[in-house]
Amino acid sequence: MSMNATIQYPFQTTTMPIRQSYDCDVLVIGSGAGGLSSAVTAAQQGLKVIVAEKSAVFGGTTAVSGGWLWIPNTPHAQREGQAEPIEAPKQYLKNILGEQYDEQKIHTYLTQAPEMVDFFETHTEVKFNIGATVPDFFDVAGSRVGWRSIVAAPYDGRALGNQLHLLRPAIPETTLWGMGIASGADMKHFINTFRALSSFIYATKRVLRHFADLLLRKRSTQIVNGNALVARLIKSALNQHVQLLANHAMTELFEENGHVTGALFKTPAGWVKINAKHAVILATGGFPHDETRKQALFQHVADGTPHHSAAPETNTGDGLKAAEAIGAVVDQHLPWAGAWAPVSLMPRLDGTLGRFPHLVERGKPGLIAVLKNGRRFTNEGDSYPAFIKDLFKSTNKGGQAHCWLICDHQFIRRYGLGAVKPFPISMQSWLDNGYLKSGKTLHELAMACGIDALQFQKTVQSYNQHAAQGQDPEFHRGSTPYQKAQGDAEHQPNPCIAPIEHGPFYAVEVMPGSLGTFAGLITNEHGNVLYRQTGQPIRGLYAAGNDLNSIMGGQYPSGGITLGPAMTFGYIAAKQIAQQARASNDYSAAACSEQC
């Protein structure tokens, strides 16, 4: 599809009566990290801001994410003497992005992102912890172990008071009875609950408080990961008197004399119009559940393999469609249009299927992934997008891309497998509903999964022969800093490799999925959306989050390359809007803050 092509949608202007109208300076549509960061920034600059969210809860994909941001040279790194020349991360990105490397946008990002972090930590409720040992995904020139990643600090949800209900909960199956568990020390304590007294005490305290929360507030107030980032942004927005409107589904944008002036929304109570004096910022979460656009931009979908995104189902490309209708364009040329991740489908009691993103356990020692033919096809401990890319390469044209994660009893009781939790949580319900397959022998497991039993047994035998020495001559698992970090440091000689030999044996089927989408609206370095025909800015229209075309060019250099740019370009867009508003001497807000 050419850059100038558009996907045609039935787009109609409503003739229904407007139930209610609102006026503001800046209208933000969508409430993930991109939307909320732009809203908080604009409001802190003295502008009157409304955030309109399609769902009944706020947070979008960010709320169900790990909450990590990839940002070199953060104030945290600088304070610890870990600053680095900007050319180092640039070199790393050049090596990964190749022809998709955009010097202007990357330079803008690398210089503005640390400023964004400082702004939020200084003026809002948002706080971060540094990932001092978190490595980049690729071990190439310019890569680094540690100091380029930050994560939202855990948050006490009691600070939100009666507004806690606004926060989108995490994916239930990724939690422990609804309680989120953070990566790093938090998760390590839970894995070691029955192996170390200190971990037992730690986990017990967390669980007891969680049950108290369920009794008093019906949900956990121990908020971590992306859920903590959204909670902190919501609190910051409320502090800045940002108006938050839930259940507002945007259907179209309004223009006046070439300037976007607002949008129309469908709500349970009728049609609502919101007028925006200065700008509209689209942050509706990309198109992970837009079947039409996935058919056009995801090759595996066009070839017959369904796509199962872990992003909220309300993310159906509303912002992209509305912008295209007034002349914008979505990038069609990215090598990969989605942020790939392996997912498994979890049957729920209400008959729906949940989607579990497999980001953690694949790197632990004692697990392999096999195709229907019983053969391994990838380095299981590599990054989640790399896993799916290898799955695509190993799938015959016209075939359905899927595979099985395989482990033994010792592994699943120690680390869990997908939605199945480690000991002492029972896994019987997952066996009963078919999510988890089992067999007393490898042959039984293969028959239960429809895997070539003879080849599967040969594969495991070959793997075990080398795994006993911590080796993987076929795929060299555990050979990079990232892979080692994903493993278990207490397991030697290789933190990523262990034999699969203690039956019964278990398997979970995984399929191509994503954490979101990369292909978005073409903008300039300020996030200002551009016209398809002229390449000039559409006045008053900006994009943030996954509605903005990924500056990483369809690649996934490291964890946090979605949320980092989302918050940074939301911040940049809001600053430019405020600057233009000051230049026009046309503020609606009562007063401007000190940062104006």
Foldseek 3Di string as FASTA:
>chain_A
DDQLDDFDDPADDDPDDAPAEAEWAEEEEAAALLRLLLLLLLLQQFTAYAYEYQAQAHHFLLQQAQQKAFAAPAPVCVVVVNHDPPVLQVVLLCVFLPPLADVVLSVLLNVQLNVLQVCCVVQFLWDKDFFQQAWWQDDDGSTDGTRRMIGTDWFQQCVCPPCSVRQDFHQCLCDDNQHHAHPDPRVVLVLCLVPDVVSVVVVVVQVVQQVVCCVVPVHGRGGGGSSNRSSRSVRSSVVSVHHYHYNWAWRAWDDDPLATFWTWTQHPVGIYTYGHNAFYAYELFAAQQALSVCCLQPVLVVQPADADAQTDNSSHHNVQVRVVVVFWTWGRDFPAFFAKFKWFWPQDPVRHTHIFGPAFLQLEAFKFKAALQQAGFAQSLRGGVVVVVSQVVPADRSGYRKIKIKGAPVSCQSCNDTSGHHPPDDCVVCVVVVQKAWDQDQQRSSVSVNHNSVSNVVNLVVQQVCLCQPADVVHGQQPDSSSQVSFQPVDPDGRRHHHGDHDTMMIGMIHIYHSGTQTATEDPSLQFGAGSPPRHGSGRYGYAQNNYHQSSRNGDRRPNSRSSRRSSSSSSNSVVSSVVCVVVVHHPGPDGHPVD
